[in-house]
Amino acid sequence: MNLLSLNCRGLGSLDAVGALRDLLKREASAFVFLCETKLSGREMKKFRLKCEGRDGMEVDSVGRSGGLAFIWRRGMQCEFRSASRVTSFYGWPAVADRHLSWKLLCLLGRQSSLPWVCVGDFNEILYATEMKGGSRAQWQMNNFREAADTQAEEANRQSRLDRAMCTGTWSDLFPYAKLLHMGREWSDHAPSKLLLNGRVEREKSSKIFRFVQLWVGMEGCEEVIVNGGENGGGDLIATLDACASGLVRWKVVNIGKIVREINKKRRQLDRLNEGGRLAVQI
């Protein structure tokens, strides 16, 4: 089981919406926490309903600021062998109000003695070394450290604003847990993926054939459909089966090229995010 956490930095553009839908399809995440959707609850629900097999709940943005969503895999059955807590956290964006975040963090810590992990965007850093460029007021970091030291032991410091923190008892309960930081795409925040067993899981691909409207007009698609009609011999079911079989083979050759090119660009983007290459080299 795993949890994906991401500061979307807004889902108002078609590019951002498409990239998020692609991310949800690629990652086998049982739970997904999204912050700064900058959408109303109604708009976010409309997006979620377009994602196959997902249920969830949404919180309205304030104008075009904030906005939260918690999404989970539909029909998922869980067996909890040990009692623990998982919290998805979004820190108050305004510096003047950030003390409310630390007050809430401390309150959550006092509510239960169960092993606890807290994942999300805290909108603050613990140490100046976590920041590349610019500066941070020392009192801001001190306030966050005081709240974190009181309630939790830091589990991963790589994530800067986006991180996971856990208590020692939670770490003992899940000794192989890992927090992965994935490549940034449309947002300037990297998605964080918490793996409880330390292994990356991939969702089993569906074997059900689905025709994609995008294929219409692509070279060779019409020919495959015409051949399928001829091979069906006038029987509707046989014609559909012949068309589907032909399109599957056509997809492997033609769409596979596009997928491989997308994956290549995604690996290049990952290297850019790590500072390995200049943008002009792509």
C-alpha atoms as a PDB file:
ATOM      1  CA  MET A   1       0.000   0.000   0.000  1.00  0.00           C
ATOM      2  CA  ASN A   2       1.233   3.507  -0.728  1.00  0.00           C
ATOM      3  CA  LEU A   3       0.229   7.160  -0.606  1.00  0.00           C
ATOM      4  CA  LEU A   4       0.967   9.790  -3.247  1.00  0.00           C
ATOM      5  CA  SER A   5       1.159  13.430  -2.117  1.00  0.00           C
ATOM      6  CA  LEU A   6       1.411  16.416  -4.471  1.00  0.00           C
ATOM      7  CA  ASN A   7       1.115  20.197  -4.409  1.00  0.00           C
ATOM      8  CA  CYS A   8      -0.564  20.727  -7.788  1.00  0.00           C
ATOM      9  CA  ARG A   9       0.013  24.495  -7.964  1.00  0.00           C
ATOM     10  CA  GLY A  10      -3.340  24.721  -9.703  1.00  0.00           C
ATOM     11  CA  LEU A  11      -5.350  22.470 -12.005  1.00  0.00           C
ATOM     12  CA  GLY A  12      -6.842  25.228 -14.127  1.00  0.00           C
ATOM     13  CA  SER A  13      -5.081  24.314 -17.371  1.00  0.00           C
ATOM     14  CA  LEU A  14      -5.712  21.370 -19.668  1.00  0.00           C
ATOM     15  CA  ASP A  15      -1.992  20.516 -19.557  1.00  0.00           C
ATOM     16  CA  ALA A  16      -2.044  20.236 -15.747  1.00  0.00           C
ATOM     17  CA  VAL A  17      -5.235  18.160 -15.754  1.00  0.00           C
ATOM     18  CA  GLY A  18      -3.881  15.821 -18.433  1.00  0.00           C
ATOM     19  CA  ALA A  19      -0.554  15.408 -16.630  1.00  0.00           C
ATOM     20  CA  LEU A  20      -2.290  14.578 -13.345  1.00  0.00           C
ATOM     21  CA  ARG A  21      -4.574  12.013 -14.963  1.00  0.00           C
ATOM     22  CA  ASP A  22      -1.521  10.411 -16.558  1.00  0.00           C
ATOM     23  CA  LEU A  23       0.249  10.370 -13.189  1.00  0.00           C
ATOM     24  CA  LEU A  24      -2.702   8.657 -11.488  1.00  0.00           C
ATOM     25  CA  LYS A  25      -2.783   6.017 -14.238  1.00  0.00           C
ATOM     26  CA  ARG A  26       0.955   5.346 -14.030  1.00  0.00           C
ATOM     27  CA  GLU A  27       1.236   5.103 -10.271  1.00  0.00           C
ATOM     28  CA  ALA A  28      -0.490   2.316  -8.348  1.00  0.00           C
ATOM     29  CA  SER A  29      -1.380   4.575  -5.422  1.00  0.00           C
ATOM     30  CA  ALA A  30      -4.021   3.412  -2.990  1.00  0.00           C
ATOM     31  CA  PHE A  31      -4.392   6.969  -1.678  1.00  0.00           C
ATOM     32  CA  VAL A  32      -3.701  10.340  -3.310  1.00  0.00           C
ATOM     33  CA  PHE A  33      -3.509  13.664  -1.444  1.00  0.00           C
ATOM     34  CA  LEU A  34      -3.644  16.832  -3.566  1.00  0.00           C
ATOM     35  CA  CYS A  35      -3.209  20.361  -2.268  1.00  0.00           C
ATOM     36  CA  GLU A  36      -3.404  23.762  -3.959  1.00  0.00           C
ATOM     37  CA  THR A  37      -5.813  22.446  -6.573  1.00  0.00           C
ATOM     38  CA  LYS A  38      -7.158  26.023  -6.861  1.00  0.00           C
ATOM     39  CA  LEU A  39     -10.521  24.516  -7.776  1.00  0.00           C
ATOM     40  CA  SER A  40     -13.895  24.469  -6.099  1.00  0.00           C
ATOM     41  CA  GLY A  41     -15.001  21.173  -4.602  1.00  0.00           C
ATOM     42  CA  ARG A  42     -17.483  20.792  -7.455  1.00  0.00           C
ATOM     43  CA  GLU A  43     -14.791  21.348 -10.110  1.00  0.00           C
ATOM     44  CA  MET A  44     -12.423  18.905  -8.395  1.00  0.00           C
ATOM     45  CA  LYS A  45     -15.146  16.264  -8.112  1.00  0.00           C
ATOM     46  CA  LYS A  46     -15.853  16.652 -11.840  1.00  0.00           C
ATOM     47  CA  PHE A  47     -12.172  15.937 -12.514  1.00  0.00           C
ATOM     48  CA  ARG A  48     -12.138  12.928 -10.149  1.00  0.00           C
ATOM     49  CA  LEU A  49     -15.152  11.352 -11.823  1.00  0.00           C
ATOM     50  CA  LYS A  50     -13.195  11.348 -15.079  1.00  0.00           C
ATOM     51  CA  CYS A  51     -10.482   9.236 -13.430  1.00  0.00           C
ATOM     52  CA  GLU A  52     -11.434   5.584 -13.676  1.00  0.00           C
ATOM     53  CA  GLY A  53     -11.903   3.691 -10.432  1.00  0.00           C
ATOM     54  CA  ARG A  54     -11.428   6.581  -7.998  1.00  0.00           C
ATOM     55  CA  ASP A  55     -13.527   7.775  -5.079  1.00  0.00           C
ATOM     56  CA  GLY A  56     -12.693  10.693  -2.836  1.00  0.00           C
ATOM     57  CA  MET A  57     -13.564  13.918  -1.095  1.00  0.00           C
ATOM     58  CA  GLU A  58     -12.802  17.531  -1.955  1.00  0.00           C
ATOM     59  CA  VAL A  59     -12.364  20.840  -0.128  1.00  0.00           C
ATOM     60  CA  ASP A  60     -13.146  24.144  -1.860  1.00  0.00           C
ATOM     61  CA  SER A  61     -10.413  26.599  -2.697  1.00  0.00           C
ATOM     62  CA  VAL A  62     -10.723  30.141  -1.346  1.00  0.00           C
ATOM     63  CA  GLY A  63     -11.133  31.990  -4.613  1.00  0.00           C
ATOM     64  CA  ARG A  64      -8.204  30.647  -6.605  1.00  0.00           C
ATOM     65  CA  SER A  65      -6.028  29.871  -3.589  1.00  0.00           C
ATOM     66  CA  GLY A  66      -5.780  26.566  -1.739  1.00  0.00           C
ATOM     67  CA  GLY A  67      -8.126  23.681  -2.476  1.00  0.00           C
ATOM     68  CA  LEU A  68      -7.643  20.079  -1.261  1.00  0.00           C
ATOM     69  CA  ALA A  69      -8.600  16.607  -2.445  1.00  0.00           C
ATOM     70  CA  PHE A  70      -8.154  13.141  -0.969  1.00  0.00           C
ATOM     71  CA  ILE A  71      -8.660  10.337  -3.488  1.00  0.00           C
ATOM     72  CA  TRP A  72      -8.597   6.586  -3.028  1.00  0.00           C
ATOM     73  CA  ARG A  73      -8.929   3.514  -5.227  1.00  0.00           C
ATOM     74  CA  ARG A  74     -12.552   2.466  -5.605  1.00  0.00           C
ATOM     75  CA  GLY A  75     -13.490  -0.888  -4.100  1.00  0.00           C
ATOM     76  CA  MET A  76     -10.192  -1.173  -2.287  1.00  0.00           C
ATOM     77  CA  GLN A  77     -10.251  -3.640   0.605  1.00  0.00           C
ATOM     78  CA  CYS A  78      -7.687  -3.129   3.352  1.00  0.00           C
ATOM     79  CA  GLU A  79      -6.586  -5.377   6.169  1.00  0.00           C
ATOM     80  CA  PHE A  80      -4.932  -3.467   8.997  1.00  0.00           C
ATOM     81  CA  ARG A  81      -2.709  -5.770  10.989  1.00  0.00           C
ATOM     82  CA  SER A  82      -1.363  -3.002  13.213  1.00  0.00           C
ATOM     83  CA  ALA A  83      -2.963   0.204  14.400  1.00  0.00           C
ATOM     84  CA  SER A  84      -1.276   3.400  13.185  1.00  0.00           C
ATOM     85  CA  ARG A  85      -2.144   6.857  11.918  1.00  0.00           C
ATOM     86  CA  VAL A  86      -1.477   8.530   8.566  1.00  0.00           C
ATOM     87  CA  THR A  87      -2.079  12.265   8.162  1.00  0.00           C
ATOM     88  CA  SER A  88      -2.007  14.257   4.920  1.00  0.00           C
ATOM     89  CA  PHE A  89      -0.945  17.786   5.840  1.00  0.00           C
ATOM     90  CA  TYR A  90      -1.011  21.141   4.053  1.00  0.00           C
ATOM     91  CA  GLY A  91       0.667  24.045   5.820  1.00  0.00           C
ATOM     92  CA  TRP A  92      -0.928  27.467   5.867  1.00  0.00           C
ATOM     93  CA  PRO A  93       0.419  29.367   2.796  1.00  0.00           C
ATOM     94  CA  ALA A  94       0.525  32.827   4.424  1.00  0.00           C
ATOM     95  CA  VAL A  95       3.593  33.314   6.661  1.00  0.00           C
ATOM     96  CA  ALA A  96       1.613  35.383   9.153  1.00  0.00           C
ATOM     97  CA  ASP A  97      -0.834  32.514   9.656  1.00  0.00           C
ATOM     98  CA  ARG A  98       1.660  29.665   9.606  1.00  0.00           C
ATOM     99  CA  HIS A  99       1.668  29.411  13.398  1.00  0.00           C
ATOM    100  CA  LEU A 100      -1.830  27.954  12.988  1.00  0.00           C
ATOM    101  CA  SER A 101      -0.277  25.032  11.091  1.00  0.00           C
ATOM    102  CA  TRP A 102       2.124  24.252  13.934  1.00  0.00           C
ATOM    103  CA  LYS A 103      -0.668  24.596  16.478  1.00  0.00           C
ATOM    104  CA  LEU A 104      -2.702  22.069  14.474  1.00  0.00           C
ATOM    105  CA  LEU A 105       0.306  19.752  14.130  1.00  0.00           C
ATOM    106  CA  CYS A 106       0.796  19.737  17.898  1.00  0.00           C
ATOM    107  CA  LEU A 107      -2.938  19.193  18.439  1.00  0.00           C
ATOM    108  CA  LEU A 108      -2.925  16.198  16.093  1.00  0.00           C
ATOM    109  CA  GLY A 109       0.075  14.779  17.932  1.00  0.00           C
ATOM    110  CA  ARG A 110      -1.712  14.958  21.299  1.00  0.00           C
ATOM    111  CA  GLN A 111      -4.899  13.323  20.020  1.00  0.00           C
ATOM    112  CA  SER A 112      -3.471   9.808  20.021  1.00  0.00           C
ATOM    113  CA  SER A 113      -0.437   7.813  21.095  1.00  0.00           C
ATOM    114  CA  LEU A 114      -0.667   5.523  18.052  1.00  0.00           C
ATOM    115  CA  PRO A 115       2.357   5.301  15.717  1.00  0.00           C
ATOM    116  CA  TRP A 116       2.033   8.275  13.363  1.00  0.00           C
ATOM    117  CA  VAL A 117       3.319   9.434   9.978  1.00  0.00           C
ATOM    118  CA  CYS A 118       2.526  12.850   8.530  1.00  0.00           C
ATOM    119  CA  VAL A 119       2.960  13.469   4.781  1.00  0.00           C
ATOM    120  CA  GLY A 120       2.384  16.561   2.677  1.00  0.00           C
ATOM    121  CA  ASP A 121       3.402  20.130   1.933  1.00  0.00           C
ATOM    122  CA  PHE A 122       4.273  21.950   5.152  1.00  0.00           C
ATOM    123  CA  ASN A 123       5.102  25.201   3.329  1.00  0.00           C
ATOM    124  CA  GLU A 124       8.212  25.517   5.494  1.00  0.00           C
ATOM    125  CA  ILE A 125      11.727  24.133   5.801  1.00  0.00           C
ATOM    126  CA  LEU A 126      13.553  22.895   8.880  1.00  0.00           C
ATOM    127  CA  TYR A 127      17.068  24.068   8.009  1.00  0.00           C
ATOM    128  CA  ALA A 128      18.551  26.745   5.756  1.00  0.00           C
ATOM    129  CA  THR A 129      20.604  24.073   3.960  1.00  0.00           C
ATOM    130  CA  GLU A 130      17.371  22.718   2.468  1.00  0.00           C
ATOM    131  CA  MET A 131      16.930  25.907   0.417  1.00  0.00           C
ATOM    132  CA  LYS A 132      18.762  26.617  -2.824  1.00  0.00           C
ATOM    133  CA  GLY A 133      18.850  30.350  -3.473  1.00  0.00           C
ATOM    134  CA  GLY A 134      17.069  33.041  -1.480  1.00  0.00           C
ATOM    135  CA  SER A 135      16.824  33.170   2.281  1.00  0.00           C
ATOM    136  CA  ARG A 136      14.482  32.175   5.069  1.00  0.00           C
ATOM    137  CA  ALA A 137      13.812  33.926   8.347  1.00  0.00           C
ATOM    138  CA  GLN A 138      15.344  31.947  11.193  1.00  0.00           C
ATOM    139  CA  TRP A 139      12.272  32.329  13.396  1.00  0.00           C
ATOM    140  CA  GLN A 140      10.105  30.634  10.725  1.00  0.00           C
ATOM    141  CA  MET A 141      12.327  27.548  10.705  1.00  0.00           C
ATOM    142  CA  ASN A 142      12.609  27.580  14.497  1.00  0.00           C
ATOM    143  CA  ASN A 143       8.821  27.506  14.880  1.00  0.00           C
ATOM    144  CA  PHE A 144       8.533  24.549  12.504  1.00  0.00           C
ATOM    145  CA  ARG A 145      11.389  22.682  14.207  1.00  0.00           C
ATOM    146  CA  GLU A 146       9.825  23.217  17.609  1.00  0.00           C
ATOM    147  CA  ALA A 147       6.508  21.742  16.427  1.00  0.00           C
ATOM    148  CA  ALA A 148       8.246  18.871  14.591  1.00  0.00           C
ATOM    149  CA  ASP A 149      10.617  18.043  17.446  1.00  0.00           C
ATOM    150  CA  THR A 150       7.725  17.980  19.875  1.00  0.00           C
ATOM    151  CA  GLN A 151       5.644  15.538  17.877  1.00  0.00           C
ATOM    152  CA  ALA A 152       7.799  13.588  15.448  1.00  0.00           C
ATOM    153  CA  GLU A 153      11.183  12.443  14.281  1.00  0.00           C
ATOM    154  CA  GLU A 154      12.025  13.514  10.751  1.00  0.00           C
ATOM    155  CA  ALA A 155      11.978  10.544   8.366  1.00  0.00           C
ATOM    156  CA  ASN A 156      13.168  12.246   5.204  1.00  0.00           C
ATOM    157  CA  ARG A 157      14.809  15.626   4.744  1.00  0.00           C
ATOM    158  CA  GLN A 158      15.230  15.490   0.993  1.00  0.00           C
ATOM    159  CA  SER A 159      11.768  16.792   0.249  1.00  0.00           C
ATOM    160  CA  ARG A 160      12.251  20.429   1.318  1.00  0.00           C
ATOM    161  CA  LEU A 161       8.700  21.826   1.647  1.00  0.00           C
ATOM    162  CA  ASP A 162       7.192  18.447   0.722  1.00  0.00           C
ATOM    163  CA  ARG A 163       8.227  15.801   3.192  1.00  0.00           C
ATOM    164  CA  ALA A 164       7.178  12.992   5.496  1.00  0.00           C
ATOM    165  CA  MET A 165       7.754  12.913   9.246  1.00  0.00           C
ATOM    166  CA  CYS A 166       7.058  10.022  11.558  1.00  0.00           C
ATOM    167  CA  THR A 167       7.294   9.041  15.175  1.00  0.00           C
ATOM    168  CA  GLY A 168       9.863   6.489  16.284  1.00  0.00           C
ATOM    169  CA  THR A 169       7.126   3.947  16.994  1.00  0.00           C
ATOM    170  CA  TRP A 170       5.813   4.270  13.411  1.00  0.00           C
ATOM    171  CA  SER A 171       9.335   3.780  12.051  1.00  0.00           C
ATOM    172  CA  ASP A 172       9.668   0.615  14.141  1.00  0.00           C
ATOM    173  CA  LEU A 173       6.315  -0.624  12.829  1.00  0.00           C
ATOM    174  CA  PHE A 174       7.277  -0.048   9.178  1.00  0.00           C
ATOM    175  CA  PRO A 175      11.078  -0.484   9.100  1.00  0.00           C
ATOM    176  CA  TYR A 176      11.203  -0.778   5.287  1.00  0.00           C
ATOM    177  CA  ALA A 177       9.078   2.304   4.533  1.00  0.00           C
ATOM    178  CA  LYS A 178      10.489   4.736   1.987  1.00  0.00           C
ATOM    179  CA  LEU A 179       9.567   8.176   0.702  1.00  0.00           C
ATOM    180  CA  LEU A 180      10.242   8.546  -3.007  1.00  0.00           C
ATOM    181  CA  HIS A 181      10.468  11.952  -4.693  1.00  0.00           C
ATOM    182  CA  MET A 182       9.404  11.694  -8.287  1.00  0.00           C
ATOM    183  CA  GLY A 183      10.147  13.960 -11.245  1.00  0.00           C
ATOM    184  CA  ARG A 184       8.450  17.347 -11.470  1.00  0.00           C
ATOM    185  CA  GLU A 185       6.279  17.823 -14.552  1.00  0.00           C
ATOM    186  CA  TRP A 186       3.714  20.646 -14.624  1.00  0.00           C
ATOM    187  CA  SER A 187       4.089  21.684 -10.961  1.00  0.00           C
ATOM    188  CA  ASP A 188       7.244  23.110  -9.376  1.00  0.00           C
ATOM    189  CA  HIS A 189       6.687  20.635  -6.532  1.00  0.00           C
ATOM    190  CA  ALA A 190       7.795  17.020  -6.907  1.00  0.00           C
ATOM    191  CA  PRO A 191       5.199  14.326  -6.123  1.00  0.00           C
ATOM    192  CA  SER A 192       6.081  12.390  -2.959  1.00  0.00           C
ATOM    193  CA  LYS A 193       5.227   8.698  -2.747  1.00  0.00           C
ATOM    194  CA  LEU A 194       5.217   6.930   0.607  1.00  0.00           C
ATOM    195  CA  LEU A 195       5.849   3.180   0.284  1.00  0.00           C
ATOM    196  CA  LEU A 196       5.022   1.245   3.424  1.00  0.00           C
ATOM    197  CA  ASN A 197       6.848  -1.917   2.361  1.00  0.00           C
ATOM    198  CA  GLY A 198       9.652  -0.136   0.504  1.00  0.00           C
ATOM    199  CA  ARG A 199       8.695  -1.656  -2.858  1.00  0.00           C
ATOM    200  CA  VAL A 200       7.373   0.203  -5.881  1.00  0.00           C
ATOM    201  CA  GLU A 201       4.082  -1.357  -6.923  1.00  0.00           C
ATOM    202  CA  ARG A 202       2.606  -1.187 -10.387  1.00  0.00           C
ATOM    203  CA  GLU A 203      -1.075  -1.556 -11.059  1.00  0.00           C
ATOM    204  CA  LYS A 204      -1.898  -4.531 -13.250  1.00  0.00           C
ATOM    205  CA  SER A 205      -2.902  -3.331 -16.686  1.00  0.00           C
ATOM    206  CA  SER A 206      -6.412  -4.112 -17.846  1.00  0.00           C
ATOM    207  CA  LYS A 207      -6.829  -6.635 -20.665  1.00  0.00           C
ATOM    208  CA  ILE A 208     -10.118  -5.053 -21.786  1.00  0.00           C
ATOM    209  CA  PHE A 209      -9.796  -3.490 -25.225  1.00  0.00           C
ATOM    210  CA  ARG A 210     -10.784   0.167 -25.459  1.00  0.00           C
ATOM    211  CA  PHE A 211     -10.867   2.213 -28.632  1.00  0.00           C
ATOM    212  CA  VAL A 212      -9.326   5.664 -28.251  1.00  0.00           C
ATOM    213  CA  GLN A 213     -10.782   8.538 -30.245  1.00  0.00           C
ATOM    214  CA  LEU A 214      -7.275   9.942 -30.715  1.00  0.00           C
ATOM    215  CA  TRP A 215      -6.496   7.048 -33.075  1.00  0.00           C
ATOM    216  CA  VAL A 216      -8.981   8.351 -35.663  1.00  0.00           C
ATOM    217  CA  GLY A 217      -7.041   9.966 -38.461  1.00  0.00           C
ATOM    218  CA  MET A 218      -3.724   8.334 -37.537  1.00  0.00           C
ATOM    219  CA  GLU A 219      -1.949   6.536 -40.327  1.00  0.00           C
ATOM    220  CA  GLY A 220      -3.019   2.916 -40.744  1.00  0.00           C
ATOM    221  CA  CYS A 221      -5.947   2.983 -38.296  1.00  0.00           C
ATOM    222  CA  GLU A 222      -8.702   3.175 -40.915  1.00  0.00           C
ATOM    223  CA  GLU A 223      -7.102   0.382 -42.932  1.00  0.00           C
ATOM    224  CA  VAL A 224      -7.048  -1.904 -39.874  1.00  0.00           C
ATOM    225  CA  ILE A 225     -10.759  -1.266 -39.263  1.00  0.00           C
ATOM    226  CA  VAL A 226     -11.664  -1.913 -42.926  1.00  0.00           C
ATOM    227  CA  ASN A 227      -9.705  -5.186 -42.882  1.00  0.00           C
ATOM    228  CA  GLY A 228     -11.448  -6.169 -39.655  1.00  0.00           C
ATOM    229  CA  GLY A 229     -14.822  -5.629 -41.321  1.00  0.00           C
ATOM    230  CA  GLU A 230     -13.842  -7.808 -44.227  1.00  0.00           C
ATOM    231  CA  ASN A 231     -12.473 -10.566 -42.002  1.00  0.00           C
ATOM    232  CA  GLY A 232     -15.626 -10.573 -39.881  1.00  0.00           C
ATOM    233  CA  GLY A 233     -17.644 -12.097 -42.683  1.00  0.00           C
ATOM    234  CA  GLY A 234     -20.751 -10.047 -41.905  1.00  0.00           C
ATOM    235  CA  ASP A 235     -21.076 -11.257 -38.314  1.00  0.00           C
ATOM    236  CA  LEU A 236     -21.107  -8.340 -35.844  1.00  0.00           C
ATOM    237  CA  ILE A 237     -19.265 -10.090 -32.992  1.00  0.00           C
ATOM    238  CA  ALA A 238     -16.662 -11.594 -35.339  1.00  0.00           C
ATOM    239  CA  THR A 239     -16.149  -8.177 -36.968  1.00  0.00           C
ATOM    240  CA  LEU A 240     -15.643  -6.466 -33.606  1.00  0.00           C
ATOM    241  CA  ASP A 241     -13.184  -9.163 -32.501  1.00  0.00           C
ATOM    242  CA  ALA A 242     -11.239  -8.871 -35.768  1.00  0.00           C
ATOM    243  CA  CYS A 243     -11.097  -5.065 -35.494  1.00  0.00           C
ATOM    244  CA  ALA A 244      -9.983  -5.220 -31.861  1.00  0.00           C
ATOM    245  CA  SER A 245      -7.258  -7.782 -32.566  1.00  0.00           C
ATOM    246  CA  GLY A 246      -5.970  -5.751 -35.496  1.00  0.00           C
ATOM    247  CA  LEU A 247      -6.000  -2.502 -33.555  1.00  0.00           C
ATOM    248  CA  VAL A 248      -4.093  -4.086 -30.661  1.00  0.00           C
ATOM    249  CA  ARG A 249      -1.308  -5.090 -33.035  1.00  0.00           C
ATOM    250  CA  TRP A 250      -1.417  -1.683 -34.746  1.00  0.00           C
ATOM    251  CA  LYS A 251      -1.264   0.050 -31.352  1.00  0.00           C
ATOM    252  CA  VAL A 252       1.874  -1.843 -30.282  1.00  0.00           C
ATOM    253  CA  VAL A 253       3.725  -0.642 -33.378  1.00  0.00           C
ATOM    254  CA  ASN A 254       2.395   2.904 -33.759  1.00  0.00           C
ATOM    255  CA  ILE A 255       1.340   4.083 -30.299  1.00  0.00           C
ATOM    256  CA  GLY A 256       4.328   2.296 -28.788  1.00  0.00           C
ATOM    257  CA  LYS A 257       6.619   4.749 -30.569  1.00  0.00           C
ATOM    258  CA  ILE A 258       4.801   7.666 -28.955  1.00  0.00           C
ATOM    259  CA  VAL A 259       4.917   6.056 -25.511  1.00  0.00           C
ATOM    260  CA  ARG A 260       8.640   5.364 -25.847  1.00  0.00           C
ATOM    261  CA  GLU A 261       9.264   8.976 -26.855  1.00  0.00           C
ATOM    262  CA  ILE A 262       7.225  10.238 -23.885  1.00  0.00           C
ATOM    263  CA  ASN A 263       9.195   7.999 -21.521  1.00  0.00           C
ATOM    264  CA  LYS A 264      12.447   9.266 -23.039  1.00  0.00           C
ATOM    265  CA  LYS A 265      11.415  12.880 -22.456  1.00  0.00           C
ATOM    266  CA  ARG A 266      10.322  12.007 -18.925  1.00  0.00           C
ATOM    267  CA  ARG A 267      13.767  10.561 -18.150  1.00  0.00           C
ATOM    268  CA  GLN A 268      15.354  13.714 -19.563  1.00  0.00           C
ATOM    269  CA  LEU A 269      13.065  15.778 -17.342  1.00  0.00           C
ATOM    270  CA  ASP A 270      14.144  13.726 -14.321  1.00  0.00           C
ATOM    271  CA  ARG A 271      17.781  14.509 -15.105  1.00  0.00           C
ATOM    272  CA  LEU A 272      16.935  18.197 -15.380  1.00  0.00           C
ATOM    273  CA  ASN A 273      15.193  18.095 -12.007  1.00  0.00           C
ATOM    274  CA  GLU A 274      18.370  16.592 -10.559  1.00  0.00           C
ATOM    275  CA  GLY A 275      20.450  19.347 -12.152  1.00  0.00           C
ATOM    276  CA  GLY A 276      22.214  16.986 -14.556  1.00  0.00           C
ATOM    277  CA  ARG A 277      21.636  18.809 -17.842  1.00  0.00           C
ATOM    278  CA  LEU A 278      20.723  22.199 -19.229  1.00  0.00           C
ATOM    279  CA  ALA A 279      17.330  22.822 -20.817  1.00  0.00           C
ATOM    280  CA  VAL A 280      18.978  23.660 -24.153  1.00  0.00           C
ATOM    281  CA  GLN A 281      20.396  20.124 -24.310  1.00  0.00           C
ATOM    282  CA  ILE A 282      16.951  18.547 -24.739  1.00  0.00           C
END
